[in-house]
């Protein structure tokens, strides 16, 4: 199993690039609206998720690159403490 919290930045980038090479054609598929003739991305959410990861890679491993800041590697602290009063409302 692949776990983001235990991987390295270089391994994650390598695996992401490998994934994209395999699924590039799939993520870039276009669909044509038969009425308007307009083209749009068939798998827009998947494509957006991949592009978001690529665009934010410099921030993704901040918790490992700046260990002196003691940044948590998950949002569990927020889910159980900070946001729980909001959930009750």
N, C-alpha and C. Protein backbone atom coordinates (compact mmCIF):
# COMPACT_ATOMS: atom_id res chain seq x y z
N UNK A 1 0.84 -1.19 0.00
CA UNK A 1 0.00 0.00 0.00
C UNK A 1 0.88 1.24 0.00
N UNK A 2 0.47 2.22 -0.73
CA UNK A 2 1.22 3.47 -0.86
C UNK A 2 0.64 4.49 0.11
N UNK A 3 1.47 5.03 0.99
CA UNK A 3 1.01 5.94 2.03
C UNK A 3 1.75 7.27 1.90
N UNK A 4 1.03 8.33 1.68
CA UNK A 4 1.63 9.65 1.49
C UNK A 4 2.41 10.11 2.71
N UNK A 5 1.95 9.77 3.91
CA UNK A 5 2.62 10.25 5.12
C UNK A 5 3.97 9.58 5.35
N UNK A 6 4.24 8.47 4.69
CA UNK A 6 5.51 7.79 4.90
C UNK A 6 6.42 7.80 3.68
N UNK A 7 6.04 8.48 2.62
CA UNK A 7 6.84 8.50 1.40
C UNK A 7 7.74 9.74 1.36
N UNK A 8 8.64 9.74 0.41
CA UNK A 8 9.50 10.91 0.20
C UNK A 8 8.95 11.74 -0.95
N UNK A 9 9.36 12.97 -1.00
CA UNK A 9 8.90 13.86 -2.07
C UNK A 9 9.31 13.32 -3.43
N UNK A 10 10.55 12.89 -3.57
CA UNK A 10 11.03 12.40 -4.86
C UNK A 10 10.28 11.14 -5.30
N UNK A 11 9.98 10.25 -4.36
CA UNK A 11 9.23 9.04 -4.71
C UNK A 11 7.81 9.38 -5.13
N UNK A 12 7.18 10.32 -4.43
CA UNK A 12 5.83 10.72 -4.78
C UNK A 12 5.79 11.31 -6.18
N UNK A 13 6.74 12.19 -6.50
CA UNK A 13 6.80 12.80 -7.82
C UNK A 13 7.02 11.74 -8.89
N UNK A 14 7.91 10.80 -8.62
CA UNK A 14 8.18 9.72 -9.57
C UNK A 14 6.91 8.89 -9.81
N UNK A 15 6.22 8.52 -8.74
CA UNK A 15 5.00 7.73 -8.87
C UNK A 15 3.89 8.51 -9.58
N UNK A 16 3.78 9.79 -9.30
CA UNK A 16 2.78 10.63 -9.96
C UNK A 16 3.07 10.72 -11.45
N UNK A 17 4.33 10.89 -11.80
CA UNK A 17 4.72 10.94 -13.21
C UNK A 17 4.45 9.61 -13.91
N UNK A 18 4.75 8.50 -13.22
CA UNK A 18 4.47 7.17 -13.78
C UNK A 18 2.98 6.99 -14.02
N UNK A 19 2.17 7.41 -13.05
CA UNK A 19 0.72 7.31 -13.19
C UNK A 19 0.25 8.10 -14.40
N UNK A 20 0.76 9.32 -14.55
CA UNK A 20 0.32 10.17 -15.65
C UNK A 20 0.71 9.58 -17.00
N UNK A 21 1.89 8.99 -17.09
CA UNK A 21 2.31 8.38 -18.36
C UNK A 21 1.35 7.26 -18.76
N UNK A 22 0.88 6.50 -17.78
CA UNK A 22 -0.05 5.40 -18.05
C UNK A 22 -1.43 5.93 -18.46
N UNK A 23 -1.92 6.95 -17.77
CA UNK A 23 -3.30 7.42 -17.94
C UNK A 23 -3.43 8.75 -18.66
N UNK A 24 -2.37 9.23 -19.29
CA UNK A 24 -2.42 10.53 -19.95
C UNK A 24 -3.52 10.59 -21.02
N UNK A 25 -3.57 9.59 -21.87
CA UNK A 25 -4.60 9.60 -22.92
C UNK A 25 -6.01 9.62 -22.33
N UNK A 26 -6.21 8.86 -21.27
CA UNK A 26 -7.51 8.81 -20.61
C UNK A 26 -7.88 10.17 -20.01
N UNK A 27 -6.93 10.80 -19.30
CA UNK A 27 -7.24 12.08 -18.64
C UNK A 27 -7.46 13.21 -19.63
N UNK A 28 -6.90 13.07 -20.83
CA UNK A 28 -7.03 14.13 -21.83
C UNK A 28 -8.15 13.89 -22.84
N UNK A 29 -8.96 12.85 -22.63
CA UNK A 29 -10.07 12.57 -23.56
C UNK A 29 -11.04 13.74 -23.62
N UNK A 30 -11.49 14.03 -24.81
CA UNK A 30 -12.45 15.10 -25.01
C UNK A 30 -13.77 14.51 -25.50
N UNK A 31 -14.84 15.19 -25.16
CA UNK A 31 -16.17 14.83 -25.62
C UNK A 31 -16.72 16.02 -26.40
N UNK A 32 -17.40 15.73 -27.47
CA UNK A 32 -17.99 16.80 -28.30
C UNK A 32 -19.49 16.82 -28.07
N UNK A 33 -20.00 17.99 -27.75
CA UNK A 33 -21.44 18.18 -27.61
C UNK A 33 -22.04 18.13 -29.02
N UNK A 34 -22.92 17.16 -29.28
CA UNK A 34 -23.45 17.01 -30.64
C UNK A 34 -24.32 18.19 -31.10
N UNK A 35 -24.86 18.92 -30.16
CA UNK A 35 -25.73 20.04 -30.52
C UNK A 35 -24.92 21.29 -30.84
N UNK A 36 -23.97 21.63 -29.95
CA UNK A 36 -23.20 22.86 -30.14
C UNK A 36 -21.88 22.64 -30.85
N UNK A 37 -21.39 21.39 -30.83
CA UNK A 37 -20.09 21.11 -31.43
C UNK A 37 -18.93 21.49 -30.54
N UNK A 38 -19.24 21.92 -29.33
CA UNK A 38 -18.21 22.36 -28.37
C UNK A 38 -17.52 21.14 -27.75
N UNK A 39 -16.19 21.23 -27.62
CA UNK A 39 -15.41 20.16 -26.99
C UNK A 39 -15.22 20.48 -25.50
N UNK A 40 -15.27 19.45 -24.69
CA UNK A 40 -14.96 19.62 -23.28
C UNK A 40 -14.31 18.36 -22.75
N UNK A 41 -13.61 18.51 -21.65
CA UNK A 41 -12.87 17.40 -21.06
C UNK A 41 -13.84 16.36 -20.50
N UNK A 42 -13.64 15.11 -20.87
CA UNK A 42 -14.53 14.03 -20.45
C UNK A 42 -14.36 13.67 -18.98
N UNK A 43 -13.13 13.77 -18.47
CA UNK A 43 -12.82 13.40 -17.08
C UNK A 43 -12.27 14.63 -16.35
N UNK A 44 -13.09 15.65 -16.28
CA UNK A 44 -12.66 16.95 -15.76
C UNK A 44 -12.17 16.88 -14.31
N UNK A 45 -12.86 16.16 -13.45
CA UNK A 45 -12.47 16.10 -12.04
C UNK A 45 -11.14 15.38 -11.85
N UNK A 46 -10.93 14.30 -12.58
CA UNK A 46 -9.66 13.58 -12.51
C UNK A 46 -8.53 14.45 -13.01
N UNK A 47 -8.76 15.12 -14.11
CA UNK A 47 -7.74 16.01 -14.68
C UNK A 47 -7.44 17.16 -13.72
N UNK A 48 -8.46 17.72 -13.10
CA UNK A 48 -8.28 18.81 -12.15
C UNK A 48 -7.50 18.35 -10.92
N UNK A 49 -7.78 17.13 -10.44
CA UNK A 49 -7.06 16.60 -9.28
C UNK A 49 -5.58 16.42 -9.60
N UNK A 50 -5.28 15.87 -10.77
CA UNK A 50 -3.88 15.69 -11.17
C UNK A 50 -3.18 17.03 -11.29
N UNK A 51 -3.80 17.97 -11.96
CA UNK A 51 -3.18 19.29 -12.14
C UNK A 51 -3.01 20.03 -10.82
N UNK A 52 -3.92 19.83 -9.90
CA UNK A 52 -3.79 20.44 -8.58
C UNK A 52 -2.58 19.87 -7.85
N UNK A 53 -2.40 18.55 -7.91
CA UNK A 53 -1.21 17.94 -7.29
C UNK A 53 0.06 18.49 -7.90
N UNK A 54 0.12 18.57 -9.23
CA UNK A 54 1.32 19.07 -9.91
C UNK A 54 1.58 20.53 -9.53
N UNK A 55 0.54 21.33 -9.48
CA UNK A 55 0.71 22.76 -9.20
C UNK A 55 1.12 23.02 -7.75
N UNK A 56 0.74 22.13 -6.84
CA UNK A 56 1.00 22.36 -5.43
C UNK A 56 2.06 21.45 -4.82
N UNK A 57 2.86 20.81 -5.67
CA UNK A 57 3.89 19.90 -5.17
C UNK A 57 4.86 20.58 -4.21
N UNK A 58 5.15 21.85 -4.44
CA UNK A 58 6.11 22.54 -3.58
C UNK A 58 5.58 22.71 -2.15
N UNK A 59 4.26 22.62 -1.96
CA UNK A 59 3.67 22.76 -0.63
C UNK A 59 3.33 21.42 0.02
N UNK A 60 3.22 20.38 -0.77
CA UNK A 60 2.73 19.10 -0.30
C UNK A 60 3.61 18.48 0.79
N UNK A 61 4.90 18.68 0.72
CA UNK A 61 5.82 18.07 1.68
C UNK A 61 6.42 19.11 2.64
N UNK A 62 5.72 20.19 2.86
CA UNK A 62 6.20 21.23 3.77
C UNK A 62 6.45 20.67 5.16
N UNK A 63 5.59 19.77 5.62
CA UNK A 63 5.75 19.20 6.96
C UNK A 63 7.04 18.42 7.10
N UNK A 64 7.57 17.89 6.01
CA UNK A 64 8.84 17.17 6.06
C UNK A 64 10.03 18.08 5.81
N UNK A 65 9.86 19.08 4.97
CA UNK A 65 10.96 19.98 4.62
C UNK A 65 11.28 20.98 5.72
N UNK A 66 10.32 21.26 6.59
CA UNK A 66 10.52 22.22 7.69
C UNK A 66 10.13 21.55 9.01
N UNK A 67 10.88 20.56 9.39
CA UNK A 67 10.57 19.78 10.60
C UNK A 67 10.57 20.63 11.87
N UNK A 68 11.36 21.70 11.89
CA UNK A 68 11.42 22.56 13.07
C UNK A 68 10.11 23.30 13.33
N UNK A 69 9.20 23.35 12.37
CA UNK A 69 7.90 24.00 12.55
C UNK A 69 6.87 23.08 13.20
N UNK A 70 7.18 21.79 13.30
CA UNK A 70 6.28 20.79 13.91
C UNK A 70 4.90 20.79 13.27
N UNK A 71 4.87 20.76 11.97
CA UNK A 71 3.61 20.72 11.23
C UNK A 71 3.12 19.28 11.18
N UNK A 72 1.85 19.06 11.48
CA UNK A 72 1.28 17.71 11.43
C UNK A 72 1.20 17.23 9.99
N UNK A 73 1.30 15.92 9.80
CA UNK A 73 1.24 15.37 8.45
C UNK A 73 -0.19 14.98 8.04
N UNK A 74 -1.16 15.18 8.91
CA UNK A 74 -2.56 14.94 8.58
C UNK A 74 -3.40 16.08 9.16
N UNK A 75 -4.69 16.08 8.86
CA UNK A 75 -5.60 17.08 9.41
C UNK A 75 -6.42 16.51 10.56
N UNK A 76 -6.01 15.39 11.12
CA UNK A 76 -6.77 14.75 12.20
C UNK A 76 -6.99 15.68 13.39
N UNK A 77 -6.01 16.51 13.72
CA UNK A 77 -6.15 17.44 14.84
C UNK A 77 -7.29 18.43 14.59
N UNK A 78 -7.43 18.86 13.36
CA UNK A 78 -8.50 19.80 13.03
C UNK A 78 -9.87 19.13 13.08
N UNK A 79 -9.95 17.93 12.57
CA UNK A 79 -11.24 17.22 12.51
C UNK A 79 -11.79 16.92 13.90
N UNK A 80 -10.93 16.55 14.83
CA UNK A 80 -11.40 16.17 16.15
C UNK A 80 -11.49 17.32 17.14
N UNK A 81 -10.75 18.38 16.92
CA UNK A 81 -10.73 19.44 17.92
C UNK A 81 -11.27 20.77 17.42
N UNK A 82 -10.61 21.35 16.45
CA UNK A 82 -10.95 22.69 16.00
C UNK A 82 -12.33 22.77 15.37
N UNK A 83 -12.68 21.81 14.52
CA UNK A 83 -13.93 21.88 13.79
C UNK A 83 -15.10 21.15 14.45
N UNK A 84 -14.86 20.41 15.51
CA UNK A 84 -15.96 19.66 16.11
C UNK A 84 -17.09 20.54 16.65
N UNK A 85 -16.84 21.71 17.24
CA UNK A 85 -17.96 22.56 17.65
C UNK A 85 -18.81 23.02 16.45
N UNK A 86 -18.17 23.22 15.31
CA UNK A 86 -18.90 23.63 14.11
C UNK A 86 -19.81 22.50 13.63
N UNK A 87 -19.33 21.27 13.73
CA UNK A 87 -20.12 20.11 13.30
C UNK A 87 -21.38 19.98 14.15
N UNK A 88 -21.28 20.28 15.45
CA UNK A 88 -22.42 20.15 16.34
C UNK A 88 -23.51 21.16 16.03
N UNK A 89 -23.13 22.29 15.50
CA UNK A 89 -24.11 23.35 15.16
C UNK A 89 -24.85 22.92 13.93
